[in-house]
Amino acid sequence: MSHEARVIVSTVNDLSELIRQFIHHLLPQNHPRAEIELLYRMMRDYPERGGKRIRGQLVLMSALAYGGRTEPLERVPGLELPMSGFMARAVPLASALELFQNWVLIHDDIEDESEERRGSPALHRIHGMALALNAGDALHVYMWEAVFQGPAEARAEFLETIHRTAEGQHMDLGWVAAERWDISPQDYLEMVRLKTAYYTVVAPLRLGMIAAGLTPDPRFLEAGLALGAAFQIRDDVLNLTADRLDYGKEIAGDLLEGKRTLMLLWWLERANPEQHEFFLKAMNKPRVDKSAQDMAQILEWLLSSGAPQHAMTVANAEAERGLHILEQALSDAPNGRAVKIILEQMRSLATRTH
């Protein structure tokens, strides 16, 4: 590994550690009443399972890109790693975004009837739906506690992100509930731009600039929507093709959940009448009634059809478009090293293979 690569890895690891420590100190640890002690453990469960913290890291890298490195290092009470003044404003926002993802994942796992999250049973599979739902609600409140420790200007950005994410999630769940498969590729792209792209790329870039005391660049919206779509399309493909240990989630879970994905919609448009009838009969059953043999047959048709390759082509085009716009938007940021890391991280995110 080159010196430059080691510096990038070290920087990213330090930023991830800042977020981990902030969340650790923010969330409650102990309570004399056993029931509330359990709630605290459940709230910490998903955050402590790890994850890459890519969204929170992007907030901090955006703040570094625009805040520079001219301010003296300070220490935030309770944290071991030093931070400059603008970073002290950014870390609560980065941590809040990670908490947002975690409480949303708790709810998402319930809504999708998922079995696993990050290599372990989903929270509702361990403790039941009611307790898991309540833990997600409680984590939501701590997200706002972190937001309120950041600059006031960031609150509207969080509201916008939650609104758009909820709209995208409703589209996704609504198609499943209505047993609709007449979904166009453009419908799918609209859904993932709302459900995934806002909180994965758009909001982190914008929140970093806000933490640096600046008005977010309007080009972050178009760049982030394209990069977020590329990320989700690849995640859909990886759900069916990745190595289980590398992926960290339930392989082929999207099929069992009836997720409308770009590659599935593309294949369905081209399936012969027998395949189409077989598919609808198998997929419109509740998850618990879906046959493993039927799912294996659909997966075989899907993988052999060229649908994953088509989806990756679309993802690559979205990634390149988003990276081009993002590079232009970041061209006047004063911290060139941070800009380089952002672009490399975004390219890695949008072209990931596991």
Protein backbone atom coordinates (compact mmCIF):
# COMPACT_ATOMS: atom_id res chain seq x y z
CA MET A 1 0.00 0.00 0.00
CA SER A 2 1.36 3.43 -0.96
CA HIS A 3 1.92 6.19 1.57
CA GLU A 4 -1.01 8.14 0.10
CA ALA A 5 -3.29 5.09 0.39
CA ARG A 6 -2.20 4.57 4.02
CA VAL A 7 -3.01 8.20 4.80
CA ILE A 8 -6.47 7.84 3.27
CA VAL A 9 -7.20 4.62 5.18
CA SER A 10 -5.94 6.18 8.42
CA THR A 11 -8.08 9.28 7.89
CA VAL A 12 -11.22 7.29 7.15
CA ASN A 13 -10.63 5.00 10.14
CA ASP A 14 -10.16 7.99 12.45
CA LEU A 15 -13.38 9.57 11.24
CA SER A 16 -15.27 6.32 11.71
CA GLU A 17 -13.87 6.09 15.24
CA LEU A 18 -15.04 9.61 16.04
CA ILE A 19 -18.56 8.64 15.04
CA ARG A 20 -18.42 5.37 16.99
CA GLN A 21 -17.25 7.14 20.14
CA PHE A 22 -19.85 9.90 19.87
CA ILE A 23 -22.69 7.37 19.52
CA HIS A 24 -21.27 5.28 22.37
CA HIS A 25 -21.31 8.28 24.69
CA LEU A 26 -24.67 9.57 23.48
CA LEU A 27 -26.69 6.38 23.94
CA PRO A 28 -27.55 5.36 27.52
CA GLN A 29 -25.65 2.38 28.90
CA ASN A 30 -27.21 1.28 32.19
CA HIS A 31 -30.46 1.45 34.13
CA PRO A 32 -31.44 -0.08 37.49
CA ARG A 33 -34.73 -1.39 36.07
CA ALA A 34 -34.17 -4.54 34.00
CA GLU A 35 -36.82 -3.70 31.39
CA ILE A 36 -35.25 -0.33 30.58
CA GLU A 37 -31.77 -1.86 30.66
CA LEU A 38 -33.00 -4.19 27.89
CA LEU A 39 -34.28 -1.20 25.90
CA TYR A 40 -30.83 0.42 26.13
CA ARG A 41 -29.14 -2.77 24.94
CA MET A 42 -31.55 -3.02 22.03
CA MET A 43 -30.92 0.59 21.06
CA ARG A 44 -27.17 -0.04 20.99
CA ASP A 45 -27.48 -3.36 19.15
CA TYR A 46 -27.44 -2.28 15.48
CA PRO A 47 -24.94 0.58 15.98
CA GLU A 48 -22.57 -1.83 17.76
CA ARG A 49 -22.84 -4.49 15.04
CA GLY A 50 -20.45 -2.37 13.03
CA GLY A 51 -21.14 -1.37 9.48
CA LYS A 52 -18.95 0.88 7.37
CA ARG A 53 -20.41 4.21 8.60
CA ILE A 54 -19.98 5.49 5.05
CA ARG A 55 -22.70 8.12 5.39
CA GLY A 56 -21.28 9.59 8.57
CA GLN A 57 -17.77 9.54 7.15
CA LEU A 58 -18.98 11.46 4.11
CA VAL A 59 -20.43 14.18 6.34
CA LEU A 60 -17.03 14.59 8.02
CA MET A 61 -15.08 14.49 4.76
CA SER A 62 -17.37 17.15 3.28
CA ALA A 63 -16.82 19.30 6.37
CA LEU A 64 -13.06 18.81 6.04
CA ALA A 65 -13.14 19.66 2.34
CA TYR A 66 -14.76 23.02 3.02
CA GLY A 67 -13.64 23.76 6.56
CA GLY A 68 -9.94 23.32 5.86
CA ARG A 69 -7.47 22.44 8.59
CA THR A 70 -6.59 25.85 9.94
CA GLU A 71 -8.42 25.78 13.24
CA PRO A 72 -6.58 24.59 16.37
CA LEU A 73 -7.33 21.09 17.55
CA GLU A 74 -9.74 20.84 20.44
CA ARG A 75 -11.13 17.95 22.42
CA VAL A 76 -14.80 17.26 22.71
CA PRO A 77 -15.77 16.16 26.24
CA GLY A 78 -16.02 12.39 26.47
CA LEU A 79 -14.19 11.74 23.21
CA GLU A 80 -10.63 10.53 23.01
CA LEU A 81 -9.85 11.80 19.51
CA PRO A 82 -9.12 15.50 18.91
CA MET A 83 -11.35 17.58 16.64
CA SER A 84 -11.19 21.13 15.34
CA GLY A 85 -14.05 23.56 15.86
CA PHE A 86 -15.86 22.85 12.61
CA MET A 87 -15.42 19.11 13.14
CA ALA A 88 -17.01 19.45 16.56
CA ARG A 89 -20.07 20.76 14.71
CA ALA A 90 -19.86 18.02 12.09
CA VAL A 91 -19.46 14.95 14.31
CA PRO A 92 -22.93 15.22 15.92
CA LEU A 93 -24.46 15.50 12.44
CA ALA A 94 -22.46 12.54 11.14
CA SER A 95 -23.48 10.50 14.17
CA ALA A 96 -27.11 11.56 13.82
CA LEU A 97 -27.12 10.33 10.23
CA GLU A 98 -25.75 6.97 11.35
CA LEU A 99 -28.43 6.78 14.04
CA PHE A 100 -31.00 7.64 11.39
CA GLN A 101 -29.88 4.68 9.31
CA ASN A 102 -29.96 2.35 12.30
CA TRP A 103 -33.47 3.16 13.49
CA VAL A 104 -34.71 3.04 9.92
CA LEU A 105 -33.09 -0.39 9.50
CA ILE A 106 -34.90 -1.69 12.60
CA HIS A 107 -38.21 -0.58 11.10
CA ASP A 108 -37.23 -1.73 7.61
CA ASP A 109 -36.41 -5.23 8.86
CA ILE A 110 -39.85 -5.44 10.48
CA GLU A 111 -41.61 -4.14 7.36
CA ASP A 112 -39.73 -6.56 5.10
CA GLU A 113 -39.95 -9.50 7.54
CA SER A 114 -36.16 -9.82 7.24
CA GLU A 115 -34.28 -12.60 8.96
CA GLU A 116 -30.81 -11.07 9.29
CA ARG A 117 -28.97 -7.79 9.63
CA ARG A 118 -25.19 -7.49 9.45
CA GLY A 119 -24.64 -11.20 9.84
CA SER A 120 -26.89 -11.71 12.89
CA PRO A 121 -30.63 -12.19 13.41
CA ALA A 122 -32.69 -9.05 12.87
CA LEU A 123 -33.66 -7.31 16.10
CA HIS A 124 -37.33 -8.28 15.88
CA ARG A 125 -36.33 -11.93 15.38
CA ILE A 126 -34.52 -11.80 18.73
CA HIS A 127 -36.92 -9.72 20.83
CA GLY A 128 -40.21 -9.68 18.93
CA MET A 129 -41.79 -7.03 16.77
CA ALA A 130 -43.25 -4.83 19.52
CA LEU A 131 -40.01 -4.38 21.47
CA ALA A 132 -37.95 -3.90 18.31
CA LEU A 133 -40.34 -1.26 17.00
CA ASN A 134 -40.18 0.62 20.29
CA ALA A 135 -36.38 0.45 20.31
CA GLY A 136 -36.34 1.94 16.82
CA ASP A 137 -38.62 4.76 17.98
CA ALA A 138 -36.34 5.43 20.96
CA LEU A 139 -33.28 5.49 18.71
CA HIS A 140 -35.10 8.00 16.52
CA VAL A 141 -35.33 10.34 19.51
CA TYR A 142 -31.59 10.04 20.19
CA MET A 143 -30.97 10.88 16.53
CA TRP A 144 -32.68 14.23 17.15
CA GLU A 145 -30.64 14.72 20.33
CA ALA A 146 -27.51 14.43 18.19
CA VAL A 147 -28.96 16.75 15.53
CA PHE A 148 -29.63 19.41 18.16
CA GLN A 149 -25.98 19.28 19.21
CA GLY A 150 -25.03 20.41 15.70
CA PRO A 151 -25.72 23.74 13.97
CA ALA A 152 -29.36 24.82 13.83
CA GLU A 153 -29.17 25.13 10.04
CA ALA A 154 -28.86 21.34 9.78
CA ARG A 155 -32.31 20.62 11.22
CA ALA A 156 -34.18 21.46 8.02
CA GLU A 157 -31.79 19.21 6.10
CA PHE A 158 -32.62 16.29 8.39
CA LEU A 159 -36.34 16.93 8.00
CA GLU A 160 -35.96 16.96 4.22
CA THR A 161 -34.00 13.71 4.31
CA ILE A 162 -36.55 11.93 6.50
CA HIS A 163 -39.47 13.14 4.35
CA ARG A 164 -37.87 11.92 1.11
CA THR A 165 -36.71 8.60 2.60
CA ALA A 166 -40.19 7.87 3.98
CA GLU A 167 -41.73 8.64 0.57
CA GLY A 168 -39.37 6.24 -1.17
CA GLN A 169 -39.96 3.54 1.42
CA HIS A 170 -43.71 3.95 1.01
CA MET A 171 -43.42 3.51 -2.76
CA ASP A 172 -41.38 0.34 -2.26
CA LEU A 173 -43.72 -1.14 0.35
CA GLY A 174 -46.82 0.01 -1.51
CA TRP A 175 -45.90 -1.94 -4.64
CA VAL A 176 -45.50 -5.07 -2.54
CA ALA A 177 -48.75 -4.54 -0.64
CA ALA A 178 -50.69 -3.96 -3.87
CA GLU A 179 -48.98 -6.92 -5.58
CA ARG A 180 -48.00 -4.59 -8.41
CA TRP A 181 -45.42 -5.67 -10.98
CA ASP A 182 -46.30 -3.14 -13.68
CA ILE A 183 -43.41 -0.98 -12.51
CA SER A 184 -41.24 0.81 -15.06
CA PRO A 185 -37.46 1.33 -14.74
CA GLN A 186 -38.15 5.04 -14.24
CA ASP A 187 -40.54 4.22 -11.38
CA TYR A 188 -37.79 2.16 -9.78
CA LEU A 189 -35.20 4.92 -10.20
CA GLU A 190 -37.55 7.49 -8.68
CA MET A 191 -38.10 5.20 -5.70
CA VAL A 192 -34.41 4.55 -4.99
CA ARG A 193 -33.46 8.20 -5.42
CA LEU A 194 -35.93 8.97 -2.65
CA LYS A 195 -35.40 5.92 -0.45
CA THR A 196 -31.62 5.57 -0.69
CA ALA A 197 -29.90 8.46 -2.42
CA TYR A 198 -31.00 11.31 -0.16
CA TYR A 199 -29.66 9.92 3.08
CA THR A 200 -26.72 8.05 1.54
CA VAL A 201 -25.11 10.81 -0.56
CA VAL A 202 -27.13 14.02 -0.89
CA ALA A 203 -27.62 14.72 2.82
CA PRO A 204 -24.06 13.81 3.91
CA LEU A 205 -22.50 16.17 1.35
CA ARG A 206 -24.88 18.98 2.25
CA LEU A 207 -24.55 18.47 6.01
CA GLY A 208 -20.77 18.68 5.77
CA MET A 209 -20.94 22.06 4.08
CA ILE A 210 -23.46 23.26 6.67
CA ALA A 211 -21.07 22.17 9.44
CA ALA A 212 -18.35 24.19 7.72
CA GLY A 213 -20.59 27.25 7.92
CA LEU A 214 -21.47 27.35 4.21
CA THR A 215 -24.57 27.04 2.04
CA PRO A 216 -24.61 23.61 0.36
CA ASP A 217 -23.71 23.49 -3.33
CA PRO A 218 -26.94 22.87 -5.32
CA ARG A 219 -25.07 20.43 -7.58
CA PHE A 220 -24.85 17.99 -4.68
CA LEU A 221 -28.49 17.10 -5.30
CA GLU A 222 -28.08 15.83 -8.87
CA ALA A 223 -24.73 14.20 -8.12
CA GLY A 224 -26.05 12.52 -4.99
CA LEU A 225 -29.21 11.21 -6.63
CA ALA A 226 -27.17 9.59 -9.41
CA LEU A 227 -24.56 8.11 -7.05
CA GLY A 228 -27.20 6.90 -4.61
CA ALA A 229 -29.10 5.19 -7.41
CA ALA A 230 -25.89 3.50 -8.58
CA PHE A 231 -25.25 2.29 -5.02
CA GLN A 232 -28.76 0.82 -4.65
CA ILE A 233 -28.78 -0.88 -8.04
CA ARG A 234 -25.48 -2.57 -7.18
CA ASP A 235 -26.78 -3.54 -3.76
CA ASP A 236 -29.80 -5.17 -5.41
CA VAL A 237 -27.50 -7.19 -7.69
CA LEU A 238 -25.17 -8.13 -4.83
CA ASN A 239 -28.15 -9.37 -2.84
CA LEU A 240 -28.46 -12.16 -5.40
CA THR A 241 -24.82 -12.71 -6.38
CA ALA A 242 -22.48 -11.78 -3.50
CA ASP A 243 -20.58 -14.07 -1.19
CA ARG A 244 -22.57 -14.37 2.04
CA LEU A 245 -19.62 -13.55 4.31
CA ASP A 246 -18.62 -10.48 2.31
CA TYR A 247 -22.16 -9.15 1.90
CA GLY A 248 -23.21 -9.31 5.55
CA LYS A 249 -26.93 -9.57 4.77
CA GLU A 250 -29.35 -12.30 3.80
CA ILE A 251 -28.51 -13.53 0.29
CA ALA A 252 -31.55 -13.47 -2.06
CA GLY A 253 -33.59 -11.85 0.71
CA ASP A 254 -34.92 -9.36 -1.84
CA LEU A 255 -36.62 -12.18 -3.74
CA LEU A 256 -38.28 -13.52 -0.62
CA GLU A 257 -39.41 -10.01 0.29
CA GLY A 258 -40.76 -9.38 -3.21
CA LYS A 259 -38.56 -6.34 -3.80
CA ARG A 260 -39.09 -4.60 -7.11
CA THR A 261 -35.56 -4.23 -8.46
CA LEU A 262 -34.30 -2.93 -11.78
CA MET A 263 -32.96 -6.30 -12.91
CA LEU A 264 -36.13 -8.16 -11.87
CA LEU A 265 -38.36 -5.70 -13.74
CA TRP A 266 -36.08 -5.91 -16.81
CA TRP A 267 -36.22 -9.71 -16.77
CA LEU A 268 -39.98 -9.79 -16.20
CA GLU A 269 -40.58 -7.66 -19.32
CA ARG A 270 -38.72 -10.31 -21.34
CA ALA A 271 -39.92 -13.49 -19.63
CA ASN A 272 -41.96 -15.92 -21.71
CA PRO A 273 -45.64 -16.41 -20.76
CA GLU A 274 -44.95 -19.59 -18.76
CA GLN A 275 -42.18 -17.94 -16.78
CA HIS A 276 -44.32 -14.84 -16.23
CA GLU A 277 -47.24 -16.88 -14.89
CA PHE A 278 -44.95 -18.99 -12.69
CA PHE A 279 -43.30 -15.85 -11.33
CA LEU A 280 -46.51 -14.05 -10.39
CA LYS A 281 -47.99 -17.13 -8.73
CA ALA A 282 -44.83 -17.69 -6.67
CA MET A 283 -44.06 -14.07 -5.77
CA ASN A 284 -47.53 -12.97 -4.72
CA LYS A 285 -47.49 -15.39 -1.79
CA PRO A 286 -46.54 -14.21 1.72
CA ARG A 287 -42.87 -14.67 2.50
CA VAL A 288 -43.49 -17.60 4.85
CA ASP A 289 -45.38 -19.44 2.10
CA LYS A 290 -42.81 -18.93 -0.64
CA SER A 291 -41.23 -22.17 -1.81
CA ALA A 292 -37.43 -22.40 -1.74
CA GLN A 293 -37.63 -24.45 -4.93
CA ASP A 294 -39.70 -21.77 -6.67
CA MET A 295 -37.29 -19.04 -5.55
CA ALA A 296 -34.34 -21.08 -6.81
CA GLN A 297 -36.01 -21.47 -10.21
CA ILE A 298 -36.72 -17.74 -10.50
CA LEU A 299 -33.17 -16.94 -9.42
CA GLU A 300 -31.79 -19.30 -12.07
CA TRP A 301 -33.87 -17.62 -14.80
CA LEU A 302 -32.89 -14.19 -13.58
CA LEU A 303 -29.15 -14.84 -13.40
CA SER A 304 -29.03 -16.51 -16.81
CA SER A 305 -31.02 -13.78 -18.54
CA GLY A 306 -28.38 -11.06 -18.48
CA ALA A 307 -30.50 -8.96 -16.10
CA PRO A 308 -27.70 -8.47 -13.51
CA GLN A 309 -25.33 -7.33 -16.25
CA HIS A 310 -27.93 -4.90 -17.60
CA ALA A 311 -28.48 -3.50 -14.12
CA MET A 312 -24.73 -3.06 -13.61
CA THR A 313 -24.53 -1.17 -16.92
CA VAL A 314 -27.19 1.25 -15.70
CA ALA A 315 -25.42 1.55 -12.33
CA ASN A 316 -22.10 2.32 -14.02
CA ALA A 317 -23.68 5.04 -16.14
CA GLU A 318 -25.33 6.62 -13.08
CA ALA A 319 -22.06 6.41 -11.16
CA GLU A 320 -20.01 8.09 -13.88
CA ARG A 321 -22.57 10.85 -14.29
CA GLY A 322 -22.74 11.47 -10.57
CA LEU A 323 -18.96 11.45 -10.15
CA HIS A 324 -18.54 13.94 -12.99
CA ILE A 325 -21.02 16.38 -11.43
CA LEU A 326 -19.56 15.85 -7.97
CA GLU A 327 -16.01 16.52 -9.16
CA GLN A 328 -17.17 19.80 -10.68
CA ALA A 329 -19.02 20.76 -7.49
CA LEU A 330 -15.96 20.05 -5.33
CA SER A 331 -13.50 21.80 -7.63
CA ASP A 332 -13.35 24.97 -5.50
CA ALA A 333 -13.21 23.23 -2.09
CA PRO A 334 -10.03 24.40 -0.29
CA ASN A 335 -8.92 21.02 1.11
CA GLY A 336 -7.73 19.05 -1.92
CA ARG A 337 -6.81 15.95 0.08
CA ALA A 338 -10.33 15.70 1.49
CA VAL A 339 -11.79 16.17 -1.99
CA LYS A 340 -9.65 13.33 -3.30
CA ILE A 341 -10.83 11.04 -0.50
CA ILE A 342 -14.48 11.94 -1.14
CA LEU A 343 -14.19 11.15 -4.84
CA GLU A 344 -12.36 7.88 -4.18
CA GLN A 345 -14.89 6.87 -1.53
CA MET A 346 -17.82 7.72 -3.80
CA ARG A 347 -16.31 5.80 -6.69
CA SER A 348 -15.78 2.83 -4.39
CA LEU A 349 -19.34 3.09 -3.07
CA ALA A 350 -20.93 3.34 -6.51
CA THR A 351 -18.83 0.55 -8.05
CA ARG A 352 -18.65 -1.80 -5.05
CA THR A 353 -18.43 -5.55 -5.58
CA HIS A 354 -19.32 -6.72 -2.05
